[in-house]
Amino acid sequence: PKKGRFSIIDYNPKGLYQMNPSDVLSTFRETIQQYRIVRKNDQILIAVSGGPDSVSLLYLFIAICKEYHLRLYAAHFNHLLRGKDSGRDERFVRELCRKQGIRFFSERQNVKDYARKKGLCIEDAARTLRYLFFKRTAQKLKIKKIALGHTFDDQAETIFMRIIQWTGWEALAGMAPVRTFGKTVLIRPLLYI
């Protein structure tokens, strides 16, 4: 990699996948092919929190960008929940996108206030606001696909929580790699990593 830049090969923090970086790219490619997640000339809005999963997702899309002739965009939602760390995450993602030449979009909302007004727990309020932001941004840009960094660990956690709450037999299905979300589609190419 060029000095001052790093790639998915460099970005494999302890505990992220416990996989060889080339296996991550290979599994990513297999998943997008098997589920037809990506097609040539797609425009994709990538949700990037600044954490290892979403940053890896961004770099994986960068790795296949030329091959698929993709137009990539990044969206970061600042929940204003972690004080200065929230601002640092936003600046990190903004700078990362600037260095990679990817258009960056962000929004900040006070999740605690929204949760209190709507009678929601913080996690549900954060998810609602974040997904509404992704949907608005995708619609504004006329993008049909929103990429999320959910991994196999997230899938296991989702299924476990649904079983505990027993939301019915569909709980055993977990998250789908592709799901319709209004006029857009949510894609989760890391779901098997």
Protein backbone atom coordinates (compact mmCIF):
# COMPACT_ATOMS: atom_id res chain seq x y z
CA PRO A 1 0.00 0.00 0.00
CA LYS A 2 1.00 3.59 -0.54
CA LYS A 3 2.49 5.43 2.40
CA GLY A 4 -0.24 7.02 4.50
CA ARG A 5 -2.89 4.57 3.23
CA PHE A 6 -3.85 1.13 4.35
CA SER A 7 -5.88 -1.59 2.75
CA ILE A 8 -8.08 -4.47 3.88
CA ILE A 9 -4.92 -6.57 3.96
CA ASP A 10 -3.48 -4.20 6.58
CA TYR A 11 -6.76 -3.69 8.39
CA ASN A 12 -7.40 -6.94 10.24
CA PRO A 13 -7.57 -6.05 13.94
CA LYS A 14 -7.43 -8.86 16.49
CA GLY A 15 -10.77 -10.58 16.77
CA LEU A 16 -12.27 -9.05 13.63
CA TYR A 17 -12.69 -12.26 11.67
CA GLN A 18 -9.94 -14.60 12.81
CA MET A 19 -9.49 -15.23 9.09
CA ASN A 20 -6.63 -14.73 6.72
CA PRO A 21 -7.33 -11.43 4.85
CA SER A 22 -7.28 -13.19 1.48
CA ASP A 23 -9.92 -15.62 2.81
CA VAL A 24 -12.05 -12.62 3.83
CA LEU A 25 -11.89 -11.22 0.29
CA SER A 26 -12.56 -14.65 -1.18
CA THR A 27 -15.61 -15.24 1.07
CA PHE A 28 -16.84 -11.71 0.30
CA ARG A 29 -16.62 -12.43 -3.45
CA GLU A 30 -18.37 -15.80 -3.07
CA THR A 31 -21.20 -14.21 -1.08
CA ILE A 32 -21.81 -11.40 -3.55
CA GLN A 33 -21.84 -13.91 -6.40
CA GLN A 34 -24.01 -16.53 -4.69
CA TYR A 35 -26.68 -14.02 -3.63
CA ARG A 36 -26.23 -11.73 -6.65
CA ILE A 37 -25.60 -8.88 -4.23
CA VAL A 38 -23.54 -6.80 -6.65
CA ARG A 39 -23.89 -6.29 -10.37
CA LYS A 40 -21.70 -4.38 -12.78
CA ASN A 41 -22.19 -0.59 -12.66
CA ASP A 42 -24.04 -0.65 -9.32
CA GLN A 43 -24.11 2.42 -7.13
CA ILE A 44 -23.72 1.38 -3.50
CA LEU A 45 -24.16 3.41 -0.33
CA ILE A 46 -21.93 1.84 2.32
CA ALA A 47 -22.84 2.35 5.97
CA VAL A 48 -19.56 3.12 7.76
CA SER A 49 -19.57 3.56 11.53
CA GLY A 50 -15.80 3.68 11.84
CA GLY A 51 -15.62 0.28 13.51
CA PRO A 52 -13.61 -2.65 12.12
CA ASP A 53 -16.52 -4.40 10.37
CA SER A 54 -17.79 -1.39 8.43
CA VAL A 55 -14.29 -0.14 7.58
CA SER A 56 -13.43 -3.62 6.29
CA LEU A 57 -16.65 -3.58 4.27
CA LEU A 58 -15.60 -0.29 2.70
CA TYR A 59 -12.16 -1.66 1.80
CA LEU A 60 -13.63 -4.87 0.40
CA PHE A 61 -15.86 -2.82 -1.91
CA ILE A 62 -12.86 -0.72 -2.90
CA ALA A 63 -11.03 -3.98 -3.74
CA ILE A 64 -13.74 -5.01 -6.25
CA CYS A 65 -14.70 -1.53 -7.41
CA LYS A 66 -12.83 -1.54 -10.73
CA GLU A 67 -13.78 -5.13 -11.56
CA TYR A 68 -17.49 -4.34 -11.13
CA HIS A 69 -17.31 -0.70 -12.26
CA LEU A 70 -18.97 0.38 -9.00
CA ARG A 71 -19.75 3.88 -7.79
CA LEU A 72 -19.27 3.90 -4.05
CA TYR A 73 -20.64 6.33 -1.48
CA ALA A 74 -20.28 6.26 2.31
CA ALA A 75 -22.83 7.20 4.96
CA HIS A 76 -22.01 7.76 8.61
CA PHE A 77 -24.65 8.35 11.28
CA ASN A 78 -23.43 10.06 14.45
CA HIS A 79 -25.68 8.99 17.33
CA LEU A 80 -24.17 11.57 19.71
CA LEU A 81 -24.01 8.87 22.38
CA ARG A 82 -20.30 8.62 23.12
CA GLY A 83 -19.21 12.21 23.64
CA LYS A 84 -15.92 13.08 21.93
CA ASP A 85 -15.53 9.51 20.63
CA SER A 86 -18.61 9.97 18.45
CA GLY A 87 -17.01 13.01 16.83
CA ARG A 88 -13.70 11.17 16.41
CA ASP A 89 -15.45 8.30 14.61
CA GLU A 90 -17.16 10.73 12.25
CA ARG A 91 -13.90 12.55 11.49
CA PHE A 92 -12.09 9.24 10.97
CA VAL A 93 -14.65 8.03 8.43
CA ARG A 94 -14.75 11.42 6.69
CA GLU A 95 -10.95 11.45 6.33
CA LEU A 96 -10.83 7.82 5.23
CA CYS A 97 -13.36 8.53 2.49
CA ARG A 98 -11.52 11.67 1.43
CA LYS A 99 -8.28 9.69 1.04
CA GLN A 100 -10.07 6.98 -0.94
CA GLY A 101 -11.97 9.42 -3.14
CA ILE A 102 -15.39 8.28 -1.92
CA ARG A 103 -18.25 10.75 -1.47
CA PHE A 104 -19.12 10.99 2.21
CA PHE A 105 -22.48 11.79 3.81
CA SER A 106 -23.15 12.16 7.50
CA GLU A 107 -25.90 13.13 9.86
CA ARG A 108 -26.04 13.75 13.60
CA GLN A 109 -29.08 13.27 15.78
CA ASN A 110 -29.62 13.06 19.50
CA VAL A 111 -30.69 9.44 19.91
CA LYS A 112 -31.40 9.80 23.65
CA ASP A 113 -33.94 12.57 23.04
CA TYR A 114 -35.59 10.61 20.21
CA ALA A 115 -35.78 7.47 22.38
CA ARG A 116 -37.38 9.40 25.23
CA LYS A 117 -39.94 11.11 22.93
CA LYS A 118 -40.88 7.84 21.17
CA GLY A 119 -40.73 5.57 24.23
CA LEU A 120 -38.02 3.41 22.69
CA CYS A 121 -34.89 1.85 24.12
CA ILE A 122 -31.66 3.53 22.99
CA GLU A 123 -30.73 0.64 20.66
CA ASP A 124 -34.08 0.68 18.83
CA ALA A 125 -34.05 4.48 18.56
CA ALA A 126 -30.48 4.43 17.21
CA ARG A 127 -31.33 1.78 14.61
CA THR A 128 -34.49 3.62 13.52
CA LEU A 129 -32.74 6.96 13.04
CA ARG A 130 -29.71 5.39 11.37
CA TYR A 131 -31.78 3.42 8.86
CA LEU A 132 -33.99 6.42 8.09
CA PHE A 133 -30.82 8.42 7.34
CA PHE A 134 -29.47 5.66 5.08
CA LYS A 135 -32.79 5.44 3.24
CA ARG A 136 -33.06 9.26 2.75
CA THR A 137 -29.47 9.47 1.54
CA ALA A 138 -29.92 6.57 -0.90
CA GLN A 139 -33.14 8.06 -2.26
CA LYS A 140 -31.57 11.50 -2.66
CA LEU A 141 -28.70 9.98 -4.66
CA LYS A 142 -30.98 7.54 -6.53
CA ILE A 143 -29.01 4.60 -5.13
CA LYS A 144 -30.75 1.24 -4.95
CA LYS A 145 -28.35 -0.64 -2.63
CA ILE A 146 -27.29 0.08 0.93
CA ALA A 147 -24.42 -2.10 2.22
CA LEU A 148 -24.32 -2.96 5.91
CA GLY A 149 -21.39 -4.50 7.76
CA HIS A 150 -23.26 -7.24 9.64
CA THR A 151 -21.04 -10.30 10.12
CA PHE A 152 -21.56 -13.92 11.16
CA ASP A 153 -21.20 -12.88 14.83
CA ASP A 154 -24.02 -10.33 14.39
CA GLN A 155 -26.12 -13.04 12.77
CA ALA A 156 -25.59 -15.40 15.71
CA GLU A 157 -26.46 -12.63 18.17
CA THR A 158 -29.63 -11.75 16.24
CA ILE A 159 -30.83 -15.35 16.18
CA PHE A 160 -30.02 -15.81 19.88
CA MET A 161 -31.93 -12.66 20.86
CA ARG A 162 -34.93 -13.63 18.71
CA ILE A 163 -35.01 -17.07 20.30
CA ILE A 164 -34.91 -15.55 23.78
CA GLN A 165 -37.73 -13.15 22.89
CA TRP A 166 -39.38 -15.91 20.81
CA THR A 167 -40.56 -13.92 17.86
CA GLY A 168 -41.75 -17.09 16.14
CA TRP A 169 -40.17 -19.66 13.86
CA GLU A 170 -38.83 -16.92 11.57
CA ALA A 171 -36.42 -16.13 14.42
CA LEU A 172 -34.36 -19.12 13.35
CA ALA A 173 -33.81 -17.59 9.91
CA GLY A 174 -31.81 -14.60 11.14
CA MET A 175 -30.84 -11.76 8.82
CA ALA A 176 -30.95 -12.18 5.06
CA PRO A 177 -27.96 -11.20 2.90
CA VAL A 178 -30.41 -9.25 0.70
CA ARG A 179 -33.59 -7.59 1.97
CA THR A 180 -35.98 -5.11 0.40
CA PHE A 181 -36.11 -1.83 2.29
CA GLY A 182 -38.70 0.43 0.70
CA LYS A 183 -37.41 1.37 -2.75
CA THR A 184 -33.90 0.26 -1.85
CA VAL A 185 -32.27 -3.04 -0.96
CA LEU A 186 -30.18 -3.74 2.13
CA ILE A 187 -27.18 -5.91 1.33
CA ARG A 188 -25.05 -7.71 3.91
CA PRO A 189 -22.06 -9.22 2.08
CA LEU A 190 -20.15 -9.94 5.32
CA LEU A 191 -22.87 -12.13 6.83
CA TYR A 192 -20.85 -15.32 6.33
CA ILE A 193 -17.56 -13.90 7.57
